[in-house]
Amino acid sequence: DNTPRVCPKCHNVTVVRATSRLWFSLFLVRLVPFKKKHIWICSTCNWHVPIQNGWEPALPAGNGWLGPYQQGTVQPYQSPNQMGYQPSYDIPPHGY
């Protein structure tokens, strides 16, 4: 399944499965592969973790993930003239 997942670090939907390989190289030429492991990696922030049985990053919104804005926590917009917001442009005292 190549469905992009939600990154737990940056919260973008850019986490995919990938294969990581460790190579023996000589003068920048890859010669012999040493290790191969399967990982989850975020293409935005470069977060990565080995694939583990029973755990995978969350699916994007619409599949049960609400992101950083959980239900009921978003505040309605209030105009700047409410709630004690009073901008003032004071005239500086004499001597300035």
Protein backbone atom coordinates (compact mmCIF):
# COMPACT_ATOMS: atom_id res chain seq x y z
CA ASP A 1 0.00 0.00 0.00
CA ASN A 2 1.68 3.24 -1.17
CA THR A 3 -0.86 5.60 0.43
CA PRO A 4 0.97 8.64 1.84
CA ARG A 5 0.75 8.87 5.62
CA VAL A 6 0.84 11.71 8.16
CA CYS A 7 4.26 12.56 9.57
CA PRO A 8 4.23 12.59 13.38
CA LYS A 9 6.93 15.29 13.38
CA CYS A 10 5.83 17.90 10.76
CA HIS A 11 2.17 16.75 10.30
CA ASN A 12 2.38 16.77 6.49
CA VAL A 13 0.95 13.91 4.44
CA THR A 14 4.33 12.97 2.95
CA VAL A 15 5.36 9.74 4.72
CA VAL A 16 5.89 6.75 2.41
CA ARG A 17 7.49 3.32 2.61
CA ALA A 18 11.05 3.13 1.33
CA THR A 19 14.08 0.88 1.32
CA SER A 20 17.33 2.05 2.89
CA ARG A 21 20.62 0.45 1.88
CA LEU A 22 24.09 0.72 3.34
CA TRP A 23 26.87 0.32 0.76
CA PHE A 24 30.61 -0.20 0.84
CA SER A 25 32.05 2.41 -1.48
CA LEU A 26 35.50 3.20 -2.75
CA PHE A 27 36.23 6.66 -4.16
CA LEU A 28 32.49 7.47 -4.20
CA VAL A 29 31.69 4.33 -6.23
CA ARG A 30 29.21 1.96 -4.59
CA LEU A 31 30.63 -1.54 -4.73
CA VAL A 32 28.98 -3.93 -2.25
CA PRO A 33 25.58 -3.59 -0.50
CA PHE A 34 25.85 -4.38 3.23
CA LYS A 35 22.42 -3.84 4.78
CA LYS A 36 18.93 -3.38 3.47
CA LYS A 37 16.06 -2.27 5.68
CA HIS A 38 12.51 -1.09 5.10
CA ILE A 39 11.62 2.28 6.59
CA TRP A 40 8.91 4.94 6.76
CA ILE A 41 10.32 8.30 5.60
CA CYS A 42 8.91 11.83 5.37
CA SER A 43 9.98 13.67 2.25
CA THR A 44 9.37 17.06 3.90
CA CYS A 45 11.32 16.90 7.18
CA ASN A 46 13.36 13.71 6.53
CA TRP A 47 11.93 11.97 9.62
CA HIS A 48 12.38 8.21 9.31
CA VAL A 49 11.81 5.08 11.37
CA PRO A 50 12.21 1.36 10.61
CA ILE A 51 8.98 -0.44 9.68
CA GLN A 52 7.74 -2.35 12.73
CA ASN A 53 5.04 -4.97 13.05
CA GLY A 54 1.84 -3.50 14.45
CA TRP A 55 2.72 0.19 13.95
CA GLU A 56 2.43 2.53 11.00
CA PRO A 57 1.95 6.30 10.62
CA ALA A 58 -1.62 7.59 10.68
CA LEU A 59 -3.68 7.90 7.53
CA PRO A 60 -4.68 11.44 6.45
CA ALA A 61 -7.93 13.17 7.48
CA GLY A 62 -11.07 11.34 6.51
CA ASN A 63 -9.74 8.11 7.94
CA GLY A 64 -10.01 9.00 11.62
CA TRP A 65 -7.05 11.37 11.94
CA LEU A 66 -7.92 14.95 12.94
CA GLY A 67 -4.46 16.44 12.92
CA PRO A 68 -3.29 19.08 15.38
CA TYR A 69 -6.80 20.62 15.55
CA GLN A 70 -8.82 18.13 17.56
CA GLN A 71 -12.58 18.37 17.49
CA GLY A 72 -14.00 21.19 19.58
CA THR A 73 -10.76 23.13 20.11
CA VAL A 74 -10.97 25.60 17.20
CA GLN A 75 -12.06 29.01 18.48
CA PRO A 76 -14.45 31.17 16.43
CA TYR A 77 -13.12 34.42 14.95
CA GLN A 78 -13.55 37.50 17.12
CA SER A 79 -13.14 40.98 15.74
CA PRO A 80 -10.30 43.07 17.20
CA ASN A 81 -12.75 45.47 18.89
CA GLN A 82 -14.01 42.77 21.25
CA MET A 83 -12.48 41.25 24.34
CA GLY A 84 -10.62 44.35 25.52
CA TYR A 85 -8.48 44.94 22.45
CA GLN A 86 -8.01 48.69 22.35
CA PRO A 87 -5.16 49.95 20.20
CA SER A 88 -3.82 53.26 21.32
CA TYR A 89 -1.47 55.70 19.72
CA ASP A 90 -0.25 57.80 22.60
CA ILE A 91 1.42 61.12 22.04
CA PRO A 92 4.88 60.93 23.55
CA PRO A 93 5.46 63.22 26.54
CA HIS A 94 7.32 66.49 26.02
CA GLY A 95 11.07 66.20 25.99
CA TYR A 96 11.38 63.51 23.38
